[in-house]
């Protein structure tokens, strides 16, 4: 099966002559008859004149009767369905439908078919079996080797791209570079057939990290307000002799002034852990700040969250 891509239908006659000459040289036979639909590209004056001068019978189908040329119509439907699968399987944009059609026809010519007793069209035409070791998955990630002599020691040795087919007339692969929007032909290529190009990433899309540092995500956490603890007066108070005397006039023990519950202040106040200290408004007291849930009020602290693929880190701003 031969294939030529057309920009407009008026190129059909030029491509027809190109395929005719190539097929006659390869087979050693001449074209005697062929069948098409009633499209204007096949019934133009120049097309009819060419067939008449070369003794070629041009048969056409009746209008709206594709079943009269069922072999070609069925093959066209198969090609379109396979092209759609090729584009969807690797998330390839529709603008590469031409490359998908070319590689689909390339594979069909090398696949066995019942009409040829399980032979491939390539073997039936050329008389030998085709090679299949070079076949790769359409649309996969491919790394083409850089062969420029001006490469530095630390420069990348490969260019990531997308595999789009095989170059006709050369032993090379067609690799598309989305970052520079160019098509390359290379022989030294490494394929990652299980991976498709990520068209949504800002970088090269082949799984490499971006050169720009990730912007941290900032969020707010509403914390409880600070509860002041009891005030401790550090200045010594005058002590009288009566205060030192216990019951019966005996001296009182220093441990008797310590509360039995082991804390400071009122018995109802739970023990706390001081985190900082500030000076009171009067200047004489030293109120402490306690890490105790508040009874009223709140404050907002700002934290920074750095998203990392391997760990989650939080810093206090």
C-alpha atoms as a PDB file:
ATOM      1  CA  UNK A   1       0.000   0.000   0.000  1.00  0.00           C
ATOM      2  CA  UNK A   2       1.364   3.397  -1.005  1.00  0.00           C
ATOM      3  CA  UNK A   3       0.676   6.676   0.727  1.00  0.00           C
ATOM      4  CA  UNK A   4       1.161  10.331  -0.126  1.00  0.00           C
ATOM      5  CA  UNK A   5      -0.063  13.271   1.960  1.00  0.00           C
ATOM      6  CA  UNK A   6      -1.853  16.073   0.137  1.00  0.00           C
ATOM      7  CA  UNK A   7      -2.212  19.692   1.181  1.00  0.00           C
ATOM      8  CA  UNK A   8      -4.996  20.227  -1.357  1.00  0.00           C
ATOM      9  CA  UNK A   9      -6.890  17.862  -3.633  1.00  0.00           C
ATOM     10  CA  UNK A  10      -5.421  19.378  -6.776  1.00  0.00           C
ATOM     11  CA  UNK A  11      -2.139  17.593  -5.890  1.00  0.00           C
ATOM     12  CA  UNK A  12      -3.762  14.189  -6.459  1.00  0.00           C
ATOM     13  CA  UNK A  13      -2.690  13.991 -10.112  1.00  0.00           C
ATOM     14  CA  UNK A  14       0.972  14.751  -9.358  1.00  0.00           C
ATOM     15  CA  UNK A  15       1.089  12.177  -6.572  1.00  0.00           C
ATOM     16  CA  UNK A  16      -0.670   9.617  -8.747  1.00  0.00           C
ATOM     17  CA  UNK A  17       2.031   9.862 -11.395  1.00  0.00           C
ATOM     18  CA  UNK A  18       4.726   9.598  -8.704  1.00  0.00           C
ATOM     19  CA  UNK A  19       3.251   6.376  -7.281  1.00  0.00           C
ATOM     20  CA  UNK A  20       2.662   4.947 -10.762  1.00  0.00           C
ATOM     21  CA  UNK A  21       6.288   5.365 -11.834  1.00  0.00           C
ATOM     22  CA  UNK A  22       7.665   3.929  -8.545  1.00  0.00           C
ATOM     23  CA  UNK A  23       5.337   0.889  -8.656  1.00  0.00           C
ATOM     24  CA  UNK A  24       6.123   0.102 -12.288  1.00  0.00           C
ATOM     25  CA  UNK A  25       9.885   0.269 -11.694  1.00  0.00           C
ATOM     26  CA  UNK A  26       9.747  -1.982  -8.631  1.00  0.00           C
ATOM     27  CA  UNK A  27       7.452  -4.602 -10.145  1.00  0.00           C
ATOM     28  CA  UNK A  28       8.501  -4.440 -13.772  1.00  0.00           C
ATOM     29  CA  UNK A  29       4.841  -4.279 -14.838  1.00  0.00           C
ATOM     30  CA  UNK A  30       2.722  -1.476 -16.202  1.00  0.00           C
ATOM     31  CA  UNK A  31      -0.503  -0.087 -14.797  1.00  0.00           C
ATOM     32  CA  UNK A  32      -3.454  -1.120 -16.959  1.00  0.00           C
ATOM     33  CA  UNK A  33      -6.553  -0.214 -14.917  1.00  0.00           C
ATOM     34  CA  UNK A  34      -7.572   1.261 -11.566  1.00  0.00           C
ATOM     35  CA  UNK A  35     -10.775   2.281  -9.818  1.00  0.00           C
ATOM     36  CA  UNK A  36     -11.670   5.427  -7.852  1.00  0.00           C
ATOM     37  CA  UNK A  37     -14.765   7.258  -6.692  1.00  0.00           C
ATOM     38  CA  UNK A  38     -16.367  10.123  -8.584  1.00  0.00           C
ATOM     39  CA  UNK A  39     -14.322  12.804  -6.854  1.00  0.00           C
ATOM     40  CA  UNK A  40     -13.373  15.858  -8.870  1.00  0.00           C
ATOM     41  CA  UNK A  41      -9.653  15.282  -8.252  1.00  0.00           C
ATOM     42  CA  UNK A  42      -9.883  12.029 -10.273  1.00  0.00           C
ATOM     43  CA  UNK A  43     -12.139  13.357 -13.039  1.00  0.00           C
ATOM     44  CA  UNK A  44     -10.292  16.520 -13.945  1.00  0.00           C
ATOM     45  CA  UNK A  45      -9.422  17.189 -17.572  1.00  0.00           C
ATOM     46  CA  UNK A  46      -5.694  16.650 -17.107  1.00  0.00           C
ATOM     47  CA  UNK A  47      -6.315  13.358 -15.260  1.00  0.00           C
ATOM     48  CA  UNK A  48      -8.638  12.010 -17.945  1.00  0.00           C
ATOM     49  CA  UNK A  49      -6.243  13.064 -20.706  1.00  0.00           C
ATOM     50  CA  UNK A  50      -3.300  11.335 -19.028  1.00  0.00           C
ATOM     51  CA  UNK A  51      -5.177   8.035 -18.689  1.00  0.00           C
ATOM     52  CA  UNK A  52      -6.341   8.195 -22.305  1.00  0.00           C
ATOM     53  CA  UNK A  53      -2.857   8.880 -23.691  1.00  0.00           C
ATOM     54  CA  UNK A  54      -1.274   6.026 -21.680  1.00  0.00           C
ATOM     55  CA  UNK A  55      -4.032   3.488 -22.365  1.00  0.00           C
ATOM     56  CA  UNK A  56      -5.075   3.214 -18.714  1.00  0.00           C
ATOM     57  CA  UNK A  57      -8.656   2.205 -17.926  1.00  0.00           C
ATOM     58  CA  UNK A  58     -10.117   4.475 -15.265  1.00  0.00           C
ATOM     59  CA  UNK A  59     -13.195   2.905 -13.643  1.00  0.00           C
ATOM     60  CA  UNK A  60     -15.343   4.929 -11.251  1.00  0.00           C
ATOM     61  CA  UNK A  61     -18.074   4.054  -8.786  1.00  0.00           C
ATOM     62  CA  UNK A  62     -21.609   5.377  -8.991  1.00  0.00           C
ATOM     63  CA  UNK A  63     -22.494   8.327  -6.744  1.00  0.00           C
ATOM     64  CA  UNK A  64     -22.933   7.432  -3.065  1.00  0.00           C
ATOM     65  CA  UNK A  65     -21.949   3.797  -3.617  1.00  0.00           C
ATOM     66  CA  UNK A  66     -18.723   3.182  -1.687  1.00  0.00           C
ATOM     67  CA  UNK A  67     -19.469  -0.537  -1.583  1.00  0.00           C
ATOM     68  CA  UNK A  68     -18.461  -0.788  -5.246  1.00  0.00           C
ATOM     69  CA  UNK A  69     -14.896  -0.055  -4.133  1.00  0.00           C
ATOM     70  CA  UNK A  70     -15.163  -1.905  -0.857  1.00  0.00           C
ATOM     71  CA  UNK A  71     -11.537  -3.009  -0.489  1.00  0.00           C
ATOM     72  CA  UNK A  72     -10.197   0.542  -0.559  1.00  0.00           C
ATOM     73  CA  UNK A  73     -13.006   1.973   1.558  1.00  0.00           C
ATOM     74  CA  UNK A  74     -12.541  -0.701   4.225  1.00  0.00           C
ATOM     75  CA  UNK A  75      -8.809  -0.088   4.259  1.00  0.00           C
ATOM     76  CA  UNK A  76      -9.334   3.655   4.650  1.00  0.00           C
ATOM     77  CA  UNK A  77     -11.638   3.055   7.614  1.00  0.00           C
ATOM     78  CA  UNK A  78      -9.067   0.766   9.251  1.00  0.00           C
ATOM     79  CA  UNK A  79      -6.328   3.343   8.799  1.00  0.00           C
ATOM     80  CA  UNK A  80      -8.420   6.138  10.331  1.00  0.00           C
ATOM     81  CA  UNK A  81      -9.355   4.042  13.357  1.00  0.00           C
ATOM     82  CA  UNK A  82      -5.760   3.013  13.996  1.00  0.00           C
ATOM     83  CA  UNK A  83      -4.560   6.579  13.620  1.00  0.00           C
ATOM     84  CA  UNK A  84      -7.047   7.692  16.246  1.00  0.00           C
ATOM     85  CA  UNK A  85      -5.766   4.997  18.607  1.00  0.00           C
ATOM     86  CA  UNK A  86      -2.152   6.004  18.001  1.00  0.00           C
ATOM     87  CA  UNK A  87      -2.855   9.635  18.834  1.00  0.00           C
ATOM     88  CA  UNK A  88      -4.943   8.872  21.921  1.00  0.00           C
ATOM     89  CA  UNK A  89      -2.647   6.229  23.397  1.00  0.00           C
ATOM     90  CA  UNK A  90       0.283   8.640  23.800  1.00  0.00           C
ATOM     91  CA  UNK A  91      -1.685  11.906  24.030  1.00  0.00           C
ATOM     92  CA  UNK A  92      -0.263  13.241  20.747  1.00  0.00           C
ATOM     93  CA  UNK A  93      -1.811  16.466  19.366  1.00  0.00           C
ATOM     94  CA  UNK A  94      -3.980  16.174  16.261  1.00  0.00           C
ATOM     95  CA  UNK A  95      -1.602  18.238  14.171  1.00  0.00           C
ATOM     96  CA  UNK A  96       0.593  15.120  13.889  1.00  0.00           C
ATOM     97  CA  UNK A  97      -2.121  13.077  12.192  1.00  0.00           C
ATOM     98  CA  UNK A  98      -0.010  12.891   9.015  1.00  0.00           C
ATOM     99  CA  UNK A  99       2.886  11.232  10.839  1.00  0.00           C
ATOM    100  CA  UNK A 100       0.430   8.822  12.482  1.00  0.00           C
ATOM    101  CA  UNK A 101      -1.018   7.865   9.081  1.00  0.00           C
ATOM    102  CA  UNK A 102       2.460   7.259   7.658  1.00  0.00           C
ATOM    103  CA  UNK A 103       3.562   4.998  10.485  1.00  0.00           C
ATOM    104  CA  UNK A 104       0.229   3.148  10.404  1.00  0.00           C
ATOM    105  CA  UNK A 105       0.628   2.323   6.706  1.00  0.00           C
ATOM    106  CA  UNK A 106       4.257   1.411   7.400  1.00  0.00           C
ATOM    107  CA  UNK A 107       3.109  -1.139   9.991  1.00  0.00           C
ATOM    108  CA  UNK A 108       0.253  -2.498   7.861  1.00  0.00           C
ATOM    109  CA  UNK A 109       2.680  -3.277   5.044  1.00  0.00           C
ATOM    110  CA  UNK A 110       4.706  -5.340   7.536  1.00  0.00           C
ATOM    111  CA  UNK A 111       1.808  -7.138   9.228  1.00  0.00           C
ATOM    112  CA  UNK A 112       0.439 -10.517   8.052  1.00  0.00           C
ATOM    113  CA  UNK A 113      -2.908 -10.519   6.280  1.00  0.00           C
ATOM    114  CA  UNK A 114      -5.339 -13.313   5.399  1.00  0.00           C
ATOM    115  CA  UNK A 115      -5.729 -12.138   1.826  1.00  0.00           C
ATOM    116  CA  UNK A 116      -2.086 -13.115   1.197  1.00  0.00           C
ATOM    117  CA  UNK A 117      -2.154 -16.427   3.102  1.00  0.00           C
ATOM    118  CA  UNK A 118      -0.751 -14.845   6.266  1.00  0.00           C
ATOM    119  CA  UNK A 119       2.054 -13.162   4.406  1.00  0.00           C
ATOM    120  CA  UNK A 120       2.929  -9.518   4.754  1.00  0.00           C
ATOM    121  CA  UNK A 121       2.380  -7.145   1.825  1.00  0.00           C
ATOM    122  CA  UNK A 122       6.066  -6.324   1.998  1.00  0.00           C
ATOM    123  CA  UNK A 123       7.010  -9.981   1.477  1.00  0.00           C
ATOM    124  CA  UNK A 124       4.492 -10.432  -1.336  1.00  0.00           C
ATOM    125  CA  UNK A 125       5.843  -7.370  -3.167  1.00  0.00           C
ATOM    126  CA  UNK A 126       9.599  -7.671  -2.624  1.00  0.00           C
ATOM    127  CA  UNK A 127       9.870 -11.434  -2.124  1.00  0.00           C
ATOM    128  CA  UNK A 128      11.573 -11.271   1.296  1.00  0.00           C
ATOM    129  CA  UNK A 129      10.491 -10.864   4.872  1.00  0.00           C
ATOM    130  CA  UNK A 130      10.693  -7.398   6.413  1.00  0.00           C
ATOM    131  CA  UNK A 131      12.823  -6.591   9.446  1.00  0.00           C
ATOM    132  CA  UNK A 132      10.987  -5.597  12.610  1.00  0.00           C
ATOM    133  CA  UNK A 133      13.795  -5.076  15.121  1.00  0.00           C
ATOM    134  CA  UNK A 134      13.751  -1.335  14.554  1.00  0.00           C
ATOM    135  CA  UNK A 135      10.054  -0.886  15.333  1.00  0.00           C
ATOM    136  CA  UNK A 136       9.243   1.377  18.270  1.00  0.00           C
ATOM    137  CA  UNK A 137       6.122   2.681  20.016  1.00  0.00           C
ATOM    138  CA  UNK A 138       4.700   5.724  18.274  1.00  0.00           C
ATOM    139  CA  UNK A 139       4.715   8.884  20.405  1.00  0.00           C
ATOM    140  CA  UNK A 140       7.058   7.609  23.114  1.00  0.00           C
ATOM    141  CA  UNK A 141       9.907   9.607  24.666  1.00  0.00           C
ATOM    142  CA  UNK A 142      13.104   9.441  22.609  1.00  0.00           C
ATOM    143  CA  UNK A 143      16.552  10.829  23.377  1.00  0.00           C
ATOM    144  CA  UNK A 144      18.534  11.738  20.273  1.00  0.00           C
ATOM    145  CA  UNK A 145      22.289  11.932  20.646  1.00  0.00           C
ATOM    146  CA  UNK A 146      23.987  15.271  20.071  1.00  0.00           C
ATOM    147  CA  UNK A 147      26.745  15.016  17.493  1.00  0.00           C
ATOM    148  CA  UNK A 148      27.903  18.628  17.440  1.00  0.00           C
ATOM    149  CA  UNK A 149      31.675  19.118  17.829  1.00  0.00           C
ATOM    150  CA  UNK A 150      31.272  22.220  20.017  1.00  0.00           C
ATOM    151  CA  UNK A 151      29.840  20.409  23.053  1.00  0.00           C
ATOM    152  CA  UNK A 152      31.368  21.208  26.424  1.00  0.00           C
ATOM    153  CA  UNK A 153      32.299  18.568  28.965  1.00  0.00           C
ATOM    154  CA  UNK A 154      29.243  19.150  31.169  1.00  0.00           C
ATOM    155  CA  UNK A 155      26.717  19.737  28.390  1.00  0.00           C
ATOM    156  CA  UNK A 156      23.834  17.338  27.801  1.00  0.00           C
ATOM    157  CA  UNK A 157      24.656  14.543  25.396  1.00  0.00           C
ATOM    158  CA  UNK A 158      21.071  13.920  24.259  1.00  0.00           C
ATOM    159  CA  UNK A 159      18.009  15.899  23.233  1.00  0.00           C
ATOM    160  CA  UNK A 160      14.637  14.672  24.586  1.00  0.00           C
ATOM    161  CA  UNK A 161      11.862  14.493  22.028  1.00  0.00           C
ATOM    162  CA  UNK A 162       8.934  12.479  20.670  1.00  0.00           C
ATOM    163  CA  UNK A 163       9.252   9.575  18.261  1.00  0.00           C
ATOM    164  CA  UNK A 164       7.098  10.256  15.177  1.00  0.00           C
ATOM    165  CA  UNK A 165       8.166   7.613  12.681  1.00  0.00           C
ATOM    166  CA  UNK A 166      10.832   6.396  10.306  1.00  0.00           C
ATOM    167  CA  UNK A 167      12.588   8.514   7.710  1.00  0.00           C
ATOM    168  CA  UNK A 168      11.902   7.301   4.176  1.00  0.00           C
ATOM    169  CA  UNK A 169      15.084   6.584   2.259  1.00  0.00           C
ATOM    170  CA  UNK A 170      17.332   6.749   5.331  1.00  0.00           C
ATOM    171  CA  UNK A 171      18.119   4.497   8.270  1.00  0.00           C
ATOM    172  CA  UNK A 172      17.030   6.968  10.894  1.00  0.00           C
ATOM    173  CA  UNK A 173      14.210   7.906  13.222  1.00  0.00           C
ATOM    174  CA  UNK A 174      12.148  11.067  13.098  1.00  0.00           C
ATOM    175  CA  UNK A 175      12.287  12.821  16.475  1.00  0.00           C
ATOM    176  CA  UNK A 176      10.231  15.919  17.221  1.00  0.00           C
ATOM    177  CA  UNK A 177      11.576  18.457  19.710  1.00  0.00           C
ATOM    178  CA  UNK A 178       8.570  20.262  21.294  1.00  0.00           C
ATOM    179  CA  UNK A 179      10.720  22.826  23.113  1.00  0.00           C
ATOM    180  CA  UNK A 180      12.149  24.169  19.826  1.00  0.00           C
ATOM    181  CA  UNK A 181       9.336  23.010  17.514  1.00  0.00           C
ATOM    182  CA  UNK A 182      11.619  21.223  15.069  1.00  0.00           C
ATOM    183  CA  UNK A 183      11.882  17.760  13.531  1.00  0.00           C
ATOM    184  CA  UNK A 184      15.172  15.855  13.673  1.00  0.00           C
ATOM    185  CA  UNK A 185      16.386  12.690  11.944  1.00  0.00           C
ATOM    186  CA  UNK A 186      18.842  10.685  14.019  1.00  0.00           C
ATOM    187  CA  UNK A 187      20.308   7.198  14.046  1.00  0.00           C
ATOM    188  CA  UNK A 188      21.575   7.170  17.638  1.00  0.00           C
ATOM    189  CA  UNK A 189      18.377   7.241  19.696  1.00  0.00           C
ATOM    190  CA  UNK A 190      17.427   5.784  23.078  1.00  0.00           C
ATOM    191  CA  UNK A 191      13.701   5.125  23.563  1.00  0.00           C
ATOM    192  CA  UNK A 192      11.558   5.111  26.697  1.00  0.00           C
ATOM    193  CA  UNK A 193       8.561   3.276  25.223  1.00  0.00           C
ATOM    194  CA  UNK A 194       6.531   3.267  28.442  1.00  0.00           C
ATOM    195  CA  UNK A 195       6.544   7.012  28.863  1.00  0.00           C
ATOM    196  CA  UNK A 196       4.638   9.701  26.955  1.00  0.00           C
ATOM    197  CA  UNK A 197       5.421  13.372  26.667  1.00  0.00           C
ATOM    198  CA  UNK A 198       3.737  15.571  29.271  1.00  0.00           C
ATOM    199  CA  UNK A 199       2.426  18.515  27.240  1.00  0.00           C
ATOM    200  CA  UNK A 200       1.191  20.302  30.390  1.00  0.00           C
ATOM    201  CA  UNK A 201       4.589  20.763  32.048  1.00  0.00           C
ATOM    202  CA  UNK A 202       6.512  23.990  31.737  1.00  0.00           C
ATOM    203  CA  UNK A 203       9.849  22.222  31.335  1.00  0.00           C
ATOM    204  CA  UNK A 204      10.888  19.810  28.591  1.00  0.00           C
ATOM    205  CA  UNK A 205       8.086  17.403  29.553  1.00  0.00           C
ATOM    206  CA  UNK A 206      10.342  14.348  29.581  1.00  0.00           C
ATOM    207  CA  UNK A 207      10.393  14.059  33.376  1.00  0.00           C
ATOM    208  CA  UNK A 208      13.299  16.398  34.080  1.00  0.00           C
ATOM    209  CA  UNK A 209      13.031  18.893  36.903  1.00  0.00           C
ATOM    210  CA  UNK A 210      12.659  22.583  36.239  1.00  0.00           C
ATOM    211  CA  UNK A 211      15.674  24.859  36.651  1.00  0.00           C
ATOM    212  CA  UNK A 212      13.604  27.429  38.530  1.00  0.00           C
ATOM    213  CA  UNK A 213      13.195  27.050  42.294  1.00  0.00           C
ATOM    214  CA  UNK A 214       9.767  26.064  43.464  1.00  0.00           C
ATOM    215  CA  UNK A 215       7.754  28.928  44.943  1.00  0.00           C
ATOM    216  CA  UNK A 216       6.734  28.008  48.530  1.00  0.00           C
ATOM    217  CA  UNK A 217       3.062  27.941  49.322  1.00  0.00           C
ATOM    218  CA  UNK A 218       2.166  30.249  52.213  1.00  0.00           C
ATOM    219  CA  UNK A 219      -0.835  29.627  54.421  1.00  0.00           C
ATOM    220  CA  UNK A 220      -2.191  30.946  57.722  1.00  0.00           C
ATOM    221  CA  UNK A 221      -2.898  28.941  60.878  1.00  0.00           C
ATOM    222  CA  UNK A 222      -5.195  30.388  63.533  1.00  0.00           C
ATOM    223  CA  UNK A 223      -3.691  29.743  66.963  1.00  0.00           C
ATOM    224  CA  UNK A 224      -5.028  30.342  70.432  1.00  0.00           C
ATOM    225  CA  UNK A 225      -4.319  33.584  72.217  1.00  0.00           C
ATOM    226  CA  UNK A 226      -1.611  33.789  74.902  1.00  0.00           C
ATOM    227  CA  UNK A 227      -2.808  33.391  78.463  1.00  0.00           C
ATOM    228  CA  UNK A 228      -0.788  35.301  81.067  1.00  0.00           C
ATOM    229  CA  UNK A 229       0.251  33.315  84.131  1.00  0.00           C
ATOM    230  CA  UNK A 230       0.511  34.465  87.716  1.00  0.00           C
ATOM    231  CA  UNK A 231       2.718  37.410  88.564  1.00  0.00           C
ATOM    232  CA  UNK A 232       5.827  36.699  90.602  1.00  0.00           C
ATOM    233  CA  UNK A 233       7.168  39.559  92.645  1.00  0.00           C
ATOM    234  CA  UNK A 234      10.955  39.263  92.790  1.00  0.00           C
ATOM    235  CA  UNK A 235      11.455  42.050  95.407  1.00  0.00           C
ATOM    236  CA  UNK A 236      11.692  40.738  98.949  1.00  0.00           C
ATOM    237  CA  UNK A 237       8.847  41.654 101.235  1.00  0.00           C
ATOM    238  CA  UNK A 238       9.461  42.686 104.890  1.00  0.00           C
ATOM    239  CA  UNK A 239       8.992  39.751 107.213  1.00  0.00           C
ATOM    240  CA  UNK A 240       7.982  40.311 110.838  1.00  0.00           C
ATOM    241  CA  UNK A 241       8.827  38.088 113.741  1.00  0.00           C
ATOM    242  CA  UNK A 242       5.220  37.021 114.073  1.00  0.00           C
ATOM    243  CA  UNK A 243       5.253  35.665 110.497  1.00  0.00           C
ATOM    244  CA  UNK A 244       8.254  33.471 111.309  1.00  0.00           C
ATOM    245  CA  UNK A 245       6.597  32.027 114.374  1.00  0.00           C
ATOM    246  CA  UNK A 246       4.401  29.009 113.975  1.00  0.00           C
ATOM    247  CA  UNK A 247       1.672  27.681 116.198  1.00  0.00           C
ATOM    248  CA  UNK A 248       2.649  27.846 119.856  1.00  0.00           C
ATOM    249  CA  UNK A 249       5.351  30.434 119.199  1.00  0.00           C
ATOM    250  CA  UNK A 250       7.749  27.933 117.587  1.00  0.00           C
ATOM    251  CA  UNK A 251       9.574  28.920 114.380  1.00  0.00           C
ATOM    252  CA  UNK A 252       7.689  27.915 111.242  1.00  0.00           C
ATOM    253  CA  UNK A 253       9.251  25.561 108.670  1.00  0.00           C
ATOM    254  CA  UNK A 254      10.148  27.136 105.288  1.00  0.00           C
ATOM    255  CA  UNK A 255       8.402  24.265 103.487  1.00  0.00           C
ATOM    256  CA  UNK A 256       5.074  25.115 105.103  1.00  0.00           C
ATOM    257  CA  UNK A 257       4.600  28.080 102.730  1.00  0.00           C
ATOM    258  CA  UNK A 258       4.754  25.841  99.631  1.00  0.00           C
ATOM    259  CA  UNK A 259       1.289  24.818  98.333  1.00  0.00           C
ATOM    260  CA  UNK A 260       0.521  21.133  98.643  1.00  0.00           C
ATOM    261  CA  UNK A 261      -0.488  20.788  94.956  1.00  0.00           C
ATOM    262  CA  UNK A 262       3.066  21.654  93.805  1.00  0.00           C
ATOM    263  CA  UNK A 263       2.190  24.620  91.566  1.00  0.00           C
ATOM    264  CA  UNK A 264       2.103  28.397  91.810  1.00  0.00           C
ATOM    265  CA  UNK A 265      -0.835  30.587  92.596  1.00  0.00           C
ATOM    266  CA  UNK A 266      -4.331  29.248  93.003  1.00  0.00           C
ATOM    267  CA  UNK A 267      -5.010  25.544  93.322  1.00  0.00           C
ATOM    268  CA  UNK A 268      -7.412  25.679  90.370  1.00  0.00           C
ATOM    269  CA  UNK A 269      -4.679  26.929  88.042  1.00  0.00           C
ATOM    270  CA  UNK A 270      -3.098  23.993  86.156  1.00  0.00           C
ATOM    271  CA  UNK A 271       0.678  23.752  85.843  1.00  0.00           C
ATOM    272  CA  UNK A 272       2.141  25.469  82.770  1.00  0.00           C
ATOM    273  CA  UNK A 273       5.372  25.706  80.859  1.00  0.00           C
ATOM    274  CA  UNK A 274       6.646  29.255  80.413  1.00  0.00           C
ATOM    275  CA  UNK A 275       7.753  30.153  76.882  1.00  0.00           C
ATOM    276  CA  UNK A 276       8.775  33.820  77.246  1.00  0.00           C
ATOM    277  CA  UNK A 277       8.651  36.701  79.703  1.00  0.00           C
ATOM    278  CA  UNK A 278       7.767  40.362  79.412  1.00  0.00           C
ATOM    279  CA  UNK A 279       7.752  43.267  81.819  1.00  0.00           C
ATOM    280  CA  UNK A 280       4.443  44.294  83.305  1.00  0.00           C
ATOM    281  CA  UNK A 281       2.885  47.706  82.972  1.00  0.00           C
ATOM    282  CA  UNK A 282       3.896  48.683  86.476  1.00  0.00           C
ATOM    283  CA  UNK A 283       7.514  47.728  85.933  1.00  0.00           C
ATOM    284  CA  UNK A 284       7.712  45.713  89.156  1.00  0.00           C
ATOM    285  CA  UNK A 285       6.119  42.429  88.064  1.00  0.00           C
ATOM    286  CA  UNK A 286       7.378  39.850  85.579  1.00  0.00           C
ATOM    287  CA  UNK A 287       4.344  38.170  83.960  1.00  0.00           C
ATOM    288  CA  UNK A 288       5.084  34.962  82.057  1.00  0.00           C
ATOM    289  CA  UNK A 289       3.427  33.701  78.816  1.00  0.00           C
ATOM    290  CA  UNK A 290       2.026  30.197  79.058  1.00  0.00           C
ATOM    291  CA  UNK A 291       1.337  27.659  76.311  1.00  0.00           C
ATOM    292  CA  UNK A 292      -2.226  27.127  77.462  1.00  0.00           C
ATOM    293  CA  UNK A 293      -5.340  27.203  75.216  1.00  0.00           C
ATOM    294  CA  UNK A 294      -7.076  30.590  75.565  1.00  0.00           C
ATOM    295  CA  UNK A 295     -10.452  31.371  76.875  1.00  0.00           C
ATOM    296  CA  UNK A 296     -11.082  34.196  74.423  1.00  0.00           C
ATOM    297  CA  UNK A 297      -9.318  35.930  71.556  1.00  0.00           C
ATOM    298  CA  UNK A 298      -7.056  34.445  68.899  1.00  0.00           C
ATOM    299  CA  UNK A 299      -4.037  35.286  66.833  1.00  0.00           C
ATOM    300  CA  UNK A 300      -2.844  34.302  63.364  1.00  0.00           C
ATOM    301  CA  UNK A 301       0.633  33.009  62.685  1.00  0.00           C
ATOM    302  CA  UNK A 302       2.006  32.667  59.174  1.00  0.00           C
ATOM    303  CA  UNK A 303       3.763  29.480  58.131  1.00  0.00           C
ATOM    304  CA  UNK A 304       5.508  28.509  54.915  1.00  0.00           C
ATOM    305  CA  UNK A 305       4.884  25.134  53.309  1.00  0.00           C
ATOM    306  CA  UNK A 306       7.436  23.789  50.870  1.00  0.00           C
ATOM    307  CA  UNK A 307       6.028  21.019  48.670  1.00  0.00           C
ATOM    308  CA  UNK A 308       8.649  18.405  47.905  1.00  0.00           C
ATOM    309  CA  UNK A 309       8.059  15.126  46.036  1.00  0.00           C
ATOM    310  CA  UNK A 310       9.757  13.169  48.791  1.00  0.00           C
ATOM    311  CA  UNK A 311       8.996  15.016  52.025  1.00  0.00           C
ATOM    312  CA  UNK A 312       6.805  17.706  53.515  1.00  0.00           C
ATOM    313  CA  UNK A 313       8.559  20.507  55.368  1.00  0.00           C
ATOM    314  CA  UNK A 314       6.999  23.371  57.346  1.00  0.00           C
ATOM    315  CA  UNK A 315       8.907  26.429  58.518  1.00  0.00           C
ATOM    316  CA  UNK A 316       7.744  29.101  60.929  1.00  0.00           C
ATOM    317  CA  UNK A 317       7.890  32.467  59.175  1.00  0.00           C
END
